[in-house]
Amino acid sequence: MSYVKAVDVLPDEILELIQNYVDGEYIYIPRKEDNKKSWGENTDYRKEIEKRNSMIYEEYKTGVKIKILAEKYFYQRRVFKELSYKKVKMNKGK
């Protein structure tokens, strides 16, 4: 999200109307419902996380202990238990 100056993008009439409500204040204008993007859609971060999670799960399947994975990836053991449960559940559906 970036800031733009209202004076640069809005007609004078609309700017004056808005100033009647919020004169000199910051205002957030949300995206239209059909223009909204889901988390990670603008970057490859979501794909990177899925790739990392798949690597972790593959290591787990080969017998690497959760304690070792937690230390290697700097996570709490609980996170790996949840991750492995989700992956097992996903693989059953295939």
C-alpha atoms as a PDB file:
ATOM      1  CA  MET A   1       0.000   0.000   0.000  1.00  0.00           C
ATOM      2  CA  SER A   2       1.341   3.410  -0.889  1.00  0.00           C
ATOM      3  CA  TYR A   3       0.300   6.950  -0.169  1.00  0.00           C
ATOM      4  CA  VAL A   4      -0.815   9.360  -2.865  1.00  0.00           C
ATOM      5  CA  LYS A   5      -1.718  12.997  -2.471  1.00  0.00           C
ATOM      6  CA  ALA A   6      -5.444  13.523  -2.788  1.00  0.00           C
ATOM      7  CA  VAL A   7      -4.828  16.835  -4.545  1.00  0.00           C
ATOM      8  CA  ASP A   8      -2.985  14.898  -7.282  1.00  0.00           C
ATOM      9  CA  VAL A   9      -5.732  12.338  -7.948  1.00  0.00           C
ATOM     10  CA  LEU A  10      -9.106  13.770  -6.921  1.00  0.00           C
ATOM     11  CA  PRO A  11     -11.145  16.489  -8.594  1.00  0.00           C
ATOM     12  CA  ASP A  12     -11.439  19.717  -6.566  1.00  0.00           C
ATOM     13  CA  GLU A  13     -15.150  19.155  -5.832  1.00  0.00           C
ATOM     14  CA  ILE A  14     -14.533  15.728  -4.313  1.00  0.00           C
ATOM     15  CA  LEU A  15     -11.512  16.963  -2.363  1.00  0.00           C
ATOM     16  CA  GLU A  16     -13.579  19.798  -0.854  1.00  0.00           C
ATOM     17  CA  LEU A  17     -16.374  17.382   0.026  1.00  0.00           C
ATOM     18  CA  ILE A  18     -13.939  15.034   1.812  1.00  0.00           C
ATOM     19  CA  GLN A  19     -12.385  17.996   3.647  1.00  0.00           C
ATOM     20  CA  ASN A  20     -15.807  18.669   5.186  1.00  0.00           C
ATOM     21  CA  TYR A  21     -15.438  15.332   7.000  1.00  0.00           C
ATOM     22  CA  VAL A  22     -11.688  14.899   7.552  1.00  0.00           C
ATOM     23  CA  ASP A  23      -9.791  18.137   7.106  1.00  0.00           C
ATOM     24  CA  GLY A  24      -6.044  17.540   7.188  1.00  0.00           C
ATOM     25  CA  GLU A  25      -6.295  13.949   8.456  1.00  0.00           C
ATOM     26  CA  TYR A  26      -5.070  10.708   6.937  1.00  0.00           C
ATOM     27  CA  ILE A  27      -7.789   8.627   5.359  1.00  0.00           C
ATOM     28  CA  TYR A  28      -7.637   5.032   4.157  1.00  0.00           C
ATOM     29  CA  ILE A  29      -9.634   4.152   1.062  1.00  0.00           C
ATOM     30  CA  PRO A  30     -10.058   0.362   0.822  1.00  0.00           C
ATOM     31  CA  ARG A  31      -9.777  -1.521  -2.433  1.00  0.00           C
ATOM     32  CA  LYS A  32     -12.926  -2.487  -4.268  1.00  0.00           C
ATOM     33  CA  GLU A  33     -14.061  -5.995  -3.365  1.00  0.00           C
ATOM     34  CA  ASP A  34     -13.300  -7.332  -6.853  1.00  0.00           C
ATOM     35  CA  ASN A  35      -9.775  -5.818  -6.779  1.00  0.00           C
ATOM     36  CA  LYS A  36      -8.689  -7.377  -3.490  1.00  0.00           C
ATOM     37  CA  LYS A  37      -5.698  -9.690  -3.534  1.00  0.00           C
ATOM     38  CA  SER A  38      -4.993 -12.560  -1.227  1.00  0.00           C
ATOM     39  CA  TRP A  39      -1.962 -12.696   1.042  1.00  0.00           C
ATOM     40  CA  GLY A  40       1.271 -13.288  -0.893  1.00  0.00           C
ATOM     41  CA  GLU A  41      -0.289 -12.752  -4.310  1.00  0.00           C
ATOM     42  CA  ASN A  42       2.076  -9.903  -5.258  1.00  0.00           C
ATOM     43  CA  THR A  43       5.221 -11.808  -4.279  1.00  0.00           C
ATOM     44  CA  ASP A  44       6.632 -15.322  -4.420  1.00  0.00           C
ATOM     45  CA  TYR A  45       6.667 -15.527  -0.619  1.00  0.00           C
ATOM     46  CA  ARG A  46       3.702 -17.901  -0.451  1.00  0.00           C
ATOM     47  CA  LYS A  47       5.419 -20.256  -2.929  1.00  0.00           C
ATOM     48  CA  GLU A  48       8.674 -20.053  -0.963  1.00  0.00           C
ATOM     49  CA  ILE A  49       6.901 -21.008   2.264  1.00  0.00           C
ATOM     50  CA  GLU A  50       5.128 -23.928   0.586  1.00  0.00           C
ATOM     51  CA  LYS A  51       8.449 -25.116  -0.888  1.00  0.00           C
ATOM     52  CA  ARG A  52      10.139 -24.865   2.524  1.00  0.00           C
ATOM     53  CA  ASN A  53       7.267 -26.679   4.225  1.00  0.00           C
ATOM     54  CA  SER A  54       7.451 -29.465   1.641  1.00  0.00           C
ATOM     55  CA  MET A  55      11.200 -29.819   2.250  1.00  0.00           C
ATOM     56  CA  ILE A  56      10.595 -30.011   5.995  1.00  0.00           C
ATOM     57  CA  TYR A  57       7.902 -32.641   5.527  1.00  0.00           C
ATOM     58  CA  GLU A  58      10.153 -34.731   3.259  1.00  0.00           C
ATOM     59  CA  GLU A  59      12.884 -34.654   5.913  1.00  0.00           C
ATOM     60  CA  TYR A  60      10.312 -35.630   8.531  1.00  0.00           C
ATOM     61  CA  LYS A  61       9.151 -38.572   6.394  1.00  0.00           C
ATOM     62  CA  THR A  62      12.731 -39.840   6.120  1.00  0.00           C
ATOM     63  CA  GLY A  63      12.899 -40.063   9.897  1.00  0.00           C
ATOM     64  CA  VAL A  64      14.453 -36.772  10.981  1.00  0.00           C
ATOM     65  CA  LYS A  65      13.189 -36.033  14.481  1.00  0.00           C
ATOM     66  CA  ILE A  66      10.974 -33.017  15.102  1.00  0.00           C
ATOM     67  CA  LYS A  67      13.435 -31.734  17.701  1.00  0.00           C
ATOM     68  CA  ILE A  68      16.219 -31.657  15.068  1.00  0.00           C
ATOM     69  CA  LEU A  69      13.954 -29.971  12.496  1.00  0.00           C
ATOM     70  CA  ALA A  70      12.883 -27.364  15.054  1.00  0.00           C
ATOM     71  CA  GLU A  71      16.509 -26.489  15.759  1.00  0.00           C
ATOM     72  CA  LYS A  72      17.445 -26.483  12.062  1.00  0.00           C
ATOM     73  CA  TYR A  73      14.560 -24.233  10.962  1.00  0.00           C
ATOM     74  CA  PHE A  74      14.305 -22.161  14.170  1.00  0.00           C
ATOM     75  CA  TYR A  75      10.722 -23.156  14.969  1.00  0.00           C
ATOM     76  CA  GLN A  76       8.944 -24.530  17.992  1.00  0.00           C
ATOM     77  CA  ARG A  77       8.227 -28.256  17.930  1.00  0.00           C
ATOM     78  CA  ARG A  78       4.494 -27.535  17.991  1.00  0.00           C
ATOM     79  CA  VAL A  79       4.757 -25.867  14.545  1.00  0.00           C
ATOM     80  CA  PHE A  80       6.251 -29.017  13.028  1.00  0.00           C
ATOM     81  CA  LYS A  81       3.612 -31.227  14.536  1.00  0.00           C
ATOM     82  CA  GLU A  82       0.927 -29.031  12.951  1.00  0.00           C
ATOM     83  CA  LEU A  83       2.797 -28.927   9.629  1.00  0.00           C
ATOM     84  CA  SER A  84       3.279 -32.682   9.490  1.00  0.00           C
ATOM     85  CA  TYR A  85      -0.392 -33.238  10.376  1.00  0.00           C
ATOM     86  CA  LYS A  86      -1.512 -30.909   7.554  1.00  0.00           C
ATOM     87  CA  LYS A  87       0.772 -32.612   5.024  1.00  0.00           C
ATOM     88  CA  VAL A  88      -0.399 -36.095   6.020  1.00  0.00           C
ATOM     89  CA  LYS A  89      -4.006 -34.947   5.721  1.00  0.00           C
ATOM     90  CA  MET A  90      -3.324 -33.393   2.270  1.00  0.00           C
ATOM     91  CA  ASN A  91      -1.558 -36.502   0.984  1.00  0.00           C
ATOM     92  CA  LYS A  92      -4.461 -38.747   2.021  1.00  0.00           C
ATOM     93  CA  GLY A  93      -6.713 -36.768  -0.314  1.00  0.00           C
ATOM     94  CA  LYS A  94      -4.528 -37.506  -3.354  1.00  0.00           C
END
